[in-house]
PDB file of N, CA and C in Angstrom:
ATOM      1  N   UNK A   1      99.655  98.449 104.774  1.00  0.00           N
ATOM      2  CA  UNK A   1      99.868  98.903 103.412  1.00  0.00           C
ATOM      3  C   UNK A   1     101.183  99.673 103.384  1.00  0.00           C
ATOM      4  N   UNK A   2     101.996  99.400 102.408  1.00  0.00           N
ATOM      5  CA  UNK A   2     103.289 100.063 102.298  1.00  0.00           C
ATOM      6  C   UNK A   2     103.120 101.487 101.780  1.00  0.00           C
ATOM      7  N   UNK A   3     104.142 102.284 101.983  1.00  0.00           N
ATOM      8  CA  UNK A   3     104.108 103.660 101.503  1.00  0.00           C
ATOM      9  C   UNK A   3     103.950 103.694  99.994  1.00  0.00           C
ATOM     10  N   UNK A   4     104.609 102.768  99.288  1.00  0.00           N
ATOM     11  CA  UNK A   4     104.499 102.714  97.832  1.00  0.00           C
ATOM     12  C   UNK A   4     103.070 102.407  97.406  1.00  0.00           C
ATOM     13  N   UNK A   5     102.420 101.474  98.115  1.00  0.00           N
ATOM     14  CA  UNK A   5     101.033 101.133  97.794  1.00  0.00           C
ATOM     15  C   UNK A   5     100.116 102.307  98.077  1.00  0.00           C
ATOM     16  N   UNK A   6     100.352 103.012  99.185  1.00  0.00           N
ATOM     17  CA  UNK A   6      99.546 104.183  99.509  1.00  0.00           C
ATOM     18  C   UNK A   6      99.693 105.243  98.428  1.00  0.00           C
ATOM     19  N   UNK A   7     100.930 105.479  98.007  1.00  0.00           N
ATOM     20  CA  UNK A   7     101.189 106.473  96.969  1.00  0.00           C
ATOM     21  C   UNK A   7     100.466 106.097  95.690  1.00  0.00           C
ATOM     22  N   UNK A   8     100.518 104.838  95.321  1.00  0.00           N
ATOM     23  CA  UNK A   8      99.853 104.374  94.111  1.00  0.00           C
ATOM     24  C   UNK A   8      98.340 104.543  94.219  1.00  0.00           C
ATOM     25  N   UNK A   9      97.773 104.199  95.372  1.00  0.00           N
ATOM     26  CA  UNK A   9      96.331 104.349  95.584  1.00  0.00           C
ATOM     27  C   UNK A   9      95.921 105.810  95.485  1.00  0.00           C
ATOM     28  N   UNK A  10      96.695 106.688  96.096  1.00  0.00           N
ATOM     29  CA  UNK A  10      96.373 108.111  96.052  1.00  0.00           C
ATOM     30  C   UNK A  10      96.525 108.667  94.644  1.00  0.00           C
ATOM     31  N   UNK A  11      97.546 108.221  93.930  1.00  0.00           N
ATOM     32  CA  UNK A  11      97.736 108.695  92.562  1.00  0.00           C
ATOM     33  C   UNK A  11      96.554 108.273  91.698  1.00  0.00           C
ATOM     34  N   UNK A  12      96.072 107.055  91.889  1.00  0.00           N
ATOM     35  CA  UNK A  12      94.913 106.565  91.144  1.00  0.00           C
ATOM     36  C   UNK A  12      93.700 107.426  91.443  1.00  0.00           C
ATOM     37  N   UNK A  13      93.503 107.751  92.723  1.00  0.00           N
ATOM     38  CA  UNK A  13      92.357 108.579  93.111  1.00  0.00           C
ATOM     39  C   UNK A  13      92.468 109.979  92.514  1.00  0.00           C
ATOM     40  N   UNK A  14      93.661 110.547  92.545  1.00  0.00           N
ATOM     41  CA  UNK A  14      93.864 111.884  91.980  1.00  0.00           C
ATOM     42  C   UNK A  14      93.635 111.853  90.471  1.00  0.00           C
ATOM     43  N   UNK A  15      94.154 110.829  89.807  1.00  0.00           N
ATOM     44  CA  UNK A  15      93.970 110.715  88.358  1.00  0.00           C
ATOM     45  C   UNK A  15      92.498 110.557  87.994  1.00  0.00           C
ATOM     46  N   UNK A  16      91.713 109.915  88.855  1.00  0.00           N
ATOM     47  CA  UNK A  16      90.286 109.715  88.586  1.00  0.00           C
ATOM     48  C   UNK A  16      89.541 111.041  88.527  1.00  0.00           C
ATOM     49  N   UNK A  17      90.085 112.062  89.163  1.00  0.00           N
ATOM     50  CA  UNK A  17      89.444 113.375  89.121  1.00  0.00           C
ATOM     51  C   UNK A  17      89.458 113.956  87.711  1.00  0.00           C
ATOM     52  N   UNK A  18      90.355 113.465  86.869  1.00  0.00           N
ATOM     53  CA  UNK A  18      90.393 113.935  85.481  1.00  0.00           C
ATOM     54  C   UNK A  18      89.126 113.542  84.723  1.00  0.00           C
ATOM     55  N   UNK A  19      88.478 112.483  85.177  1.00  0.00           N
ATOM     56  CA  UNK A  19      87.276 111.985  84.513  1.00  0.00           C
ATOM     57  C   UNK A  19      86.002 112.668  84.998  1.00  0.00           C
ATOM     58  N   UNK A  20      86.122 113.542  85.975  1.00  0.00           N
ATOM     59  CA  UNK A  20      84.950 114.225  86.518  1.00  0.00           C
ATOM     60  C   UNK A  20      84.439 115.232  85.491  1.00  0.00           C
ATOM     61  N   UNK A  21      83.144 115.208  85.264  1.00  0.00           N
ATOM     62  CA  UNK A  21      82.518 116.142  84.325  1.00  0.00           C
ATOM     63  C   UNK A  21      82.368 117.493  85.018  1.00  0.00           C
ATOM     64  N   UNK A  22      83.159 118.460  84.609  1.00  0.00           N
ATOM     65  CA  UNK A  22      83.165 119.784  85.228  1.00  0.00           C
ATOM     66  C   UNK A  22      81.793 120.454  85.097  1.00  0.00           C
ATOM     67  N   UNK A  23      81.049 120.125  84.041  1.00  0.00           N
ATOM     68  CA  UNK A  23      79.726 120.726  83.869  1.00  0.00           C
ATOM     69  C   UNK A  23      78.768 120.289  84.971  1.00  0.00           C
ATOM     70  N   UNK A  24      79.018 119.111  85.549  1.00  0.00           N
ATOM     71  CA  UNK A  24      78.131 118.583  86.573  1.00  0.00           C
ATOM     72  C   UNK A  24      78.517 119.014  87.992  1.00  0.00           C
ATOM     73  N   UNK A  25      79.689 119.582  88.154  1.00  0.00           N
ATOM     74  CA  UNK A  25      80.110 120.014  89.490  1.00  0.00           C
ATOM     75  C   UNK A  25      81.161 121.109  89.384  1.00  0.00           C
ATOM     76  N   UNK A  26      81.507 121.630  90.521  1.00  0.00           N
ATOM     77  CA  UNK A  26      82.529 122.663  90.567  1.00  0.00           C
ATOM     78  C   UNK A  26      83.874 122.095  90.122  1.00  0.00           C
ATOM     79  N   UNK A  27      84.785 122.988  89.792  1.00  0.00           N
ATOM     80  CA  UNK A  27      86.148 122.617  89.438  1.00  0.00           C
ATOM     81  C   UNK A  27      86.789 121.864  90.613  1.00  0.00           C
ATOM     82  N   UNK A  28      87.311 120.656  90.384  1.00  0.00           N
ATOM     83  CA  UNK A  28      87.896 119.879  91.479  1.00  0.00           C
ATOM     84  C   UNK A  28      89.352 120.244  91.781  1.00  0.00           C
ATOM     85  N   UNK A  29      89.788 121.433  91.425  1.00  0.00           N
ATOM     86  CA  UNK A  29      91.188 121.820  91.642  1.00  0.00           C
ATOM     87  C   UNK A  29      91.576 121.718  93.109  1.00  0.00           C
ATOM     88  N   UNK A  30      90.665 122.066  94.002  1.00  0.00           N
ATOM     89  CA  UNK A  30      90.969 121.988  95.426  1.00  0.00           C
ATOM     90  C   UNK A  30      91.197 120.540  95.862  1.00  0.00           C
ATOM     91  N   UNK A  31      90.411 119.629  95.303  1.00  0.00           N
ATOM     92  CA  UNK A  31      90.584 118.214  95.633  1.00  0.00           C
ATOM     93  C   UNK A  31      91.869 117.666  95.035  1.00  0.00           C
ATOM     94  N   UNK A  32      92.216 118.108  93.834  1.00  0.00           N
ATOM     95  CA  UNK A  32      93.473 117.689  93.224  1.00  0.00           C
ATOM     96  C   UNK A  32      94.648 118.191  94.067  1.00  0.00           C
ATOM     97  N   UNK A  33      94.519 119.390  94.606  1.00  0.00           N
ATOM     98  CA  UNK A  33      95.585 119.939  95.453  1.00  0.00           C
ATOM     99  C   UNK A  33      95.764 119.088  96.706  1.00  0.00           C
ATOM    100  N   UNK A  34      94.650 118.689  97.326  1.00  0.00           N
ATOM    101  CA  UNK A  34      94.730 117.833  98.509  1.00  0.00           C
ATOM    102  C   UNK A  34      95.431 116.524  98.147  1.00  0.00           C
ATOM    103  N   UNK A  35      95.020 115.928  97.038  1.00  0.00           N
ATOM    104  CA  UNK A  35      95.642 114.680  96.601  1.00  0.00           C
ATOM    105  C   UNK A  35      97.126 114.831  96.339  1.00  0.00           C
ATOM    106  N   UNK A  36      97.507 115.938  95.745  1.00  0.00           N
ATOM    107  CA  UNK A  36      98.918 116.194  95.450  1.00  0.00           C
ATOM    108  C   UNK A  36      99.731 116.324  96.735  1.00  0.00           C
ATOM    109  N   UNK A  37      99.162 116.982  97.736  1.00  0.00           N
ATOM    110  CA  UNK A  37      99.856 117.134  99.014  1.00  0.00           C
ATOM    111  C   UNK A  37     100.011 115.779  99.702  1.00  0.00           C
ATOM    112  N   UNK A  38      98.976 114.950  99.642  1.00  0.00           N
ATOM    113  CA  UNK A  38      99.061 113.614 100.231  1.00  0.00           C
ATOM    114  C   UNK A  38     100.180 112.816  99.561  1.00  0.00           C
ATOM    115  N   UNK A  39     100.289 112.918  98.248  1.00  0.00           N
ATOM    116  CA  UNK A  39     101.373 112.229  97.546  1.00  0.00           C
ATOM    117  C   UNK A  39     102.737 112.709  98.021  1.00  0.00           C
ATOM    118  N   UNK A  40     102.878 114.016  98.184  1.00  0.00           N
ATOM    119  CA  UNK A  40     104.151 114.565  98.674  1.00  0.00           C
ATOM    120  C   UNK A  40     104.457 114.055 100.074  1.00  0.00           C
ATOM    121  N   UNK A  41     103.432 113.962 100.920  1.00  0.00           N
ATOM    122  CA  UNK A  41     103.634 113.453 102.278  1.00  0.00           C
ATOM    123  C   UNK A  41     104.131 112.010 102.253  1.00  0.00           C
ATOM    124  N   UNK A  42     103.551 111.186 101.396  1.00  0.00           N
ATOM    125  CA  UNK A  42     103.991 109.794 101.299  1.00  0.00           C
ATOM    126  C   UNK A  42     105.409 109.699 100.757  1.00  0.00           C
ATOM    127  N   UNK A  43     105.725 110.530  99.789  1.00  0.00           N
ATOM    128  CA  UNK A  43     107.086 110.542  99.256  1.00  0.00           C
ATOM    129  C   UNK A  43     108.072 110.995 100.326  1.00  0.00           C
ATOM    130  N   UNK A  44     107.686 111.999 101.103  1.00  0.00           N
ATOM    131  CA  UNK A  44     108.535 112.484 102.184  1.00  0.00           C
ATOM    132  C   UNK A  44     108.736 111.425 103.252  1.00  0.00           C
ATOM    133  N   UNK A  45     107.688 110.675 103.546  1.00  0.00           N
ATOM    134  CA  UNK A  45     107.789 109.599 104.534  1.00  0.00           C
ATOM    135  C   UNK A  45     108.770 108.531 104.054  1.00  0.00           C
ATOM    136  N   UNK A  46     108.711 108.194 102.786  1.00  0.00           N
ATOM    137  CA  UNK A  46     109.655 107.214 102.232  1.00  0.00           C
ATOM    138  C   UNK A  46     111.087 107.726 102.319  1.00  0.00           C
ATOM    139  N   UNK A  47     111.274 108.999 102.017  1.00  0.00           N
ATOM    140  CA  UNK A  47     112.609 109.590 102.087  1.00  0.00           C
ATOM    141  C   UNK A  47     113.113 109.617 103.531  1.00  0.00           C
ATOM    142  N   UNK A  48     112.229 109.933 104.472  1.00  0.00           N
ATOM    143  CA  UNK A  48     112.606 109.954 105.884  1.00  0.00           C
ATOM    144  C   UNK A  48     113.006 108.555 106.351  1.00  0.00           C
ATOM    145  N   UNK A  49     112.241 107.544 105.962  1.00  0.00           N
ATOM    146  CA  UNK A  49     112.586 106.165 106.330  1.00  0.00           C
ATOM    147  C   UNK A  49     113.959 105.791 105.793  1.00  0.00           C
ATOM    148  N   UNK A  50     114.244 106.189 104.561  1.00  0.00           N
ATOM    149  CA  UNK A  50     115.549 105.888 103.961  1.00  0.00           C
ATOM    150  C   UNK A  50     116.667 106.631 104.682  1.00  0.00           C
ATOM    151  N   UNK A  51     116.408 107.870 105.067  1.00  0.00           N
ATOM    152  CA  UNK A  51     117.422 108.656 105.768  1.00  0.00           C
ATOM    153  C   UNK A  51     117.726 108.059 107.138  1.00  0.00           C
ATOM    154  N   UNK A  52     116.693 107.638 107.839  1.00  0.00           N
ATOM    155  CA  UNK A  52     116.903 107.011 109.148  1.00  0.00           C
ATOM    156  C   UNK A  52     117.642 105.690 108.983  1.00  0.00           C
ATOM    157  N   UNK A  53     117.263 104.902 107.997  1.00  0.00           N
ATOM    158  CA  UNK A  53     117.950 103.633 107.750  1.00  0.00           C
ATOM    159  C   UNK A  53     119.431 103.875 107.450  1.00  0.00           C
ATOM    160  N   UNK A  54     119.727 104.922 106.695  1.00  0.00           N
ATOM    161  CA  UNK A  54     121.124 105.248 106.384  1.00  0.00           C
ATOM    162  C   UNK A  54     121.874 105.656 107.647  1.00  0.00           C
ATOM    163  N   UNK A  55     121.225 106.420 108.505  1.00  0.00           N
ATOM    164  CA  UNK A  55     121.861 106.835 109.763  1.00  0.00           C
ATOM    165  C   UNK A  55     122.147 105.627 110.653  1.00  0.00           C
ATOM    166  N   UNK A  56     121.189 104.710 110.718  1.00  0.00           N
ATOM    167  CA  UNK A  56     121.388 103.488 111.503  1.00  0.00           C
ATOM    168  C   UNK A  56     122.539 102.676 110.908  1.00  0.00           C
ATOM    169  N   UNK A  57     122.584 102.575 109.591  1.00  0.00           N
ATOM    170  CA  UNK A  57     123.654 101.824 108.923  1.00  0.00           C
ATOM    171  C   UNK A  57     125.027 102.444 109.191  1.00  0.00           C
ATOM    172  N   UNK A  58     125.053 103.756 109.396  1.00  0.00           N
ATOM    173  CA  UNK A  58     126.310 104.453 109.703  1.00  0.00           C
ATOM    174  C   UNK A  58     126.675 104.332 111.181  1.00  0.00           C
ATOM    175  N   UNK A  59     125.813 103.665 111.947  1.00  0.00           N
ATOM    176  CA  UNK A  59     126.110 103.448 113.363  1.00  0.00           C
ATOM    177  C   UNK A  59     125.628 104.557 114.281  1.00  0.00           C
ATOM    178  N   UNK A  60     124.776 105.425 113.791  1.00  0.00           N
ATOM    179  CA  UNK A  60     124.240 106.501 114.638  1.00  0.00           C
ATOM    180  C   UNK A  60     123.370 105.908 115.736  1.00  0.00           C
ATOM    181  N   UNK A  61     123.422 106.518 116.892  1.00  0.00           N
ATOM    182  CA  UNK A  61     122.608 106.044 118.011  1.00  0.00           C
ATOM    183  C   UNK A  61     121.160 106.497 117.835  1.00  0.00           C
ATOM    184  N   UNK A  62     120.255 105.776 118.498  1.00  0.00           N
ATOM    185  CA  UNK A  62     118.854 106.177 118.453  1.00  0.00           C
ATOM    186  C   UNK A  62     118.658 107.518 119.146  1.00  0.00           C
ATOM    187  N   UNK A  63     119.532 107.848 120.087  1.00  0.00           N
ATOM    188  CA  UNK A  63     119.465 109.168 120.725  1.00  0.00           C
ATOM    189  C   UNK A  63     119.761 110.272 119.718  1.00  0.00           C
ATOM    190  N   UNK A  64     120.802 110.066 118.905  1.00  0.00           N
ATOM    191  CA  UNK A  64     121.160 111.066 117.885  1.00  0.00           C
ATOM    192  C   UNK A  64     120.062 111.165 116.824  1.00  0.00           C
ATOM    193  N   UNK A  65     119.541 110.031 116.417  1.00  0.00           N
ATOM    194  CA  UNK A  65     118.468 110.030 115.416  1.00  0.00           C
ATOM    195  C   UNK A  65     117.225 110.711 115.985  1.00  0.00           C
ATOM    196  N   UNK A  66     116.881 110.365 117.214  1.00  0.00           N
ATOM    197  CA  UNK A  66     115.728 111.004 117.859  1.00  0.00           C
ATOM    198  C   UNK A  66     115.915 112.508 117.973  1.00  0.00           C
ATOM    199  N   UNK A  67     117.118 112.923 118.309  1.00  0.00           N
ATOM    200  CA  UNK A  67     117.418 114.351 118.405  1.00  0.00           C
ATOM    201  C   UNK A  67     117.205 115.047 117.064  1.00  0.00           C
ATOM    202  N   UNK A  68     117.670 114.425 115.994  1.00  0.00           N
ATOM    203  CA  UNK A  68     117.498 115.005 114.658  1.00  0.00           C
ATOM    204  C   UNK A  68     116.020 115.079 114.270  1.00  0.00           C
ATOM    205  N   UNK A  69     115.232 114.117 114.749  1.00  0.00           N
ATOM    206  CA  UNK A  69     113.800 114.090 114.454  1.00  0.00           C
ATOM    207  C   UNK A  69     112.973 114.975 115.387  1.00  0.00           C
ATOM    208  N   UNK A  70     113.595 115.384 116.489  1.00  0.00           N
ATOM    209  CA  UNK A  70     112.867 116.182 117.476  1.00  0.00           C
ATOM    210  C   UNK A  70     111.987 115.338 118.384  1.00  0.00           C
ATOM    211  N   UNK A  71     112.377 114.062 118.560  1.00  0.00           N
ATOM    212  CA  UNK A  71     111.630 113.143 119.426  1.00  0.00           C
ATOM    213  C   UNK A  71     112.613 112.421 120.334  1.00  0.00           C
ATOM    214  N   UNK A  72     112.100 111.639 121.269  1.00  0.00           N
ATOM    215  CA  UNK A  72     112.976 110.858 122.140  1.00  0.00           C
ATOM    216  C   UNK A  72     113.578 109.696 121.366  1.00  0.00           C
ATOM    217  N   UNK A  73     114.642 109.130 121.934  1.00  0.00           N
ATOM    218  CA  UNK A  73     115.258 107.960 121.302  1.00  0.00           C
ATOM    219  C   UNK A  73     114.273 106.802 121.253  1.00  0.00           C
ATOM    220  N   UNK A  74     113.438 106.702 122.295  1.00  0.00           N
ATOM    221  CA  UNK A  74     112.451 105.623 122.339  1.00  0.00           C
ATOM    222  C   UNK A  74     111.422 105.779 121.214  1.00  0.00           C
ATOM    223  N   UNK A  75     110.987 107.010 121.006  1.00  0.00           N
ATOM    224  CA  UNK A  75     110.002 107.266 119.945  1.00  0.00           C
ATOM    225  C   UNK A  75     110.603 106.984 118.571  1.00  0.00           C
ATOM    226  N   UNK A  76     111.850 107.395 118.373  1.00  0.00           N
ATOM    227  CA  UNK A  76     112.524 107.142 117.094  1.00  0.00           C
ATOM    228  C   UNK A  76     112.675 105.645 116.862  1.00  0.00           C
ATOM    229  N   UNK A  77     113.099 104.946 117.875  1.00  0.00           N
ATOM    230  CA  UNK A  77     113.281 103.499 117.761  1.00  0.00           C
ATOM    231  C   UNK A  77     111.954 102.798 117.499  1.00  0.00           C
ATOM    232  N   UNK A  78     110.920 103.184 118.230  1.00  0.00           N
ATOM    233  CA  UNK A  78     109.615 102.557 118.054  1.00  0.00           C
ATOM    234  C   UNK A  78     109.067 102.775 116.637  1.00  0.00           C
ATOM    235  N   UNK A  79     109.295 103.950 116.100  1.00  0.00           N
ATOM    236  CA  UNK A  79     108.756 104.266 114.775  1.00  0.00           C
ATOM    237  C   UNK A  79     109.563 103.651 113.644  1.00  0.00           C
ATOM    238  N   UNK A  80     110.885 103.632 113.772  1.00  0.00           N
ATOM    239  CA  UNK A  80     111.722 103.293 112.618  1.00  0.00           C
ATOM    240  C   UNK A  80     112.483 101.978 112.733  1.00  0.00           C
ATOM    241  N   UNK A  81     112.575 101.370 113.884  1.00  0.00           N
ATOM    242  CA  UNK A  81     113.401 100.154 113.998  1.00  0.00           C
ATOM    243  C   UNK A  81     112.821  98.990 113.198  1.00  0.00           C
ATOM    244  N   UNK A  82     111.516  98.960 113.014  1.00  0.00           N
ATOM    245  CA  UNK A  82     110.911  97.857 112.262  1.00  0.00           C
ATOM    246  C   UNK A  82     110.995  98.050 110.753  1.00  0.00           C
ATOM    247  N   UNK A  83     111.444  99.215 110.284  1.00  0.00           N
ATOM    248  CA  UNK A  83     111.550  99.461 108.835  1.00  0.00           C
ATOM    249  C   UNK A  83     112.904  99.017 108.296  1.00  0.00           C
ATOM    250  N   UNK A  84     113.803  98.618 109.178  1.00  0.00           N
ATOM    251  CA  UNK A  84     115.132  98.208 108.719  1.00  0.00           C
ATOM    252  C   UNK A  84     115.106  96.830 108.157  1.00  0.00           C
TER     253      UNK A  84
END
């Protein structure tokens, strides 16, 4: 599943909380907060993928990219080389 699809699925789930009858249960604000954080994580992941792709396009080495990510070059390559 792509990051965009995950974001859409999570947004749908978060929006469904609007239909919850508050009289029948506690305020779902805590669940909405969790959903909102998950959305931010997916958005951040998309931004990170784009940033790594831009670095690769600029000719940056996997060692430099891994260093910026705080991981080895092998880990950076394994995670991001297939997203190009």
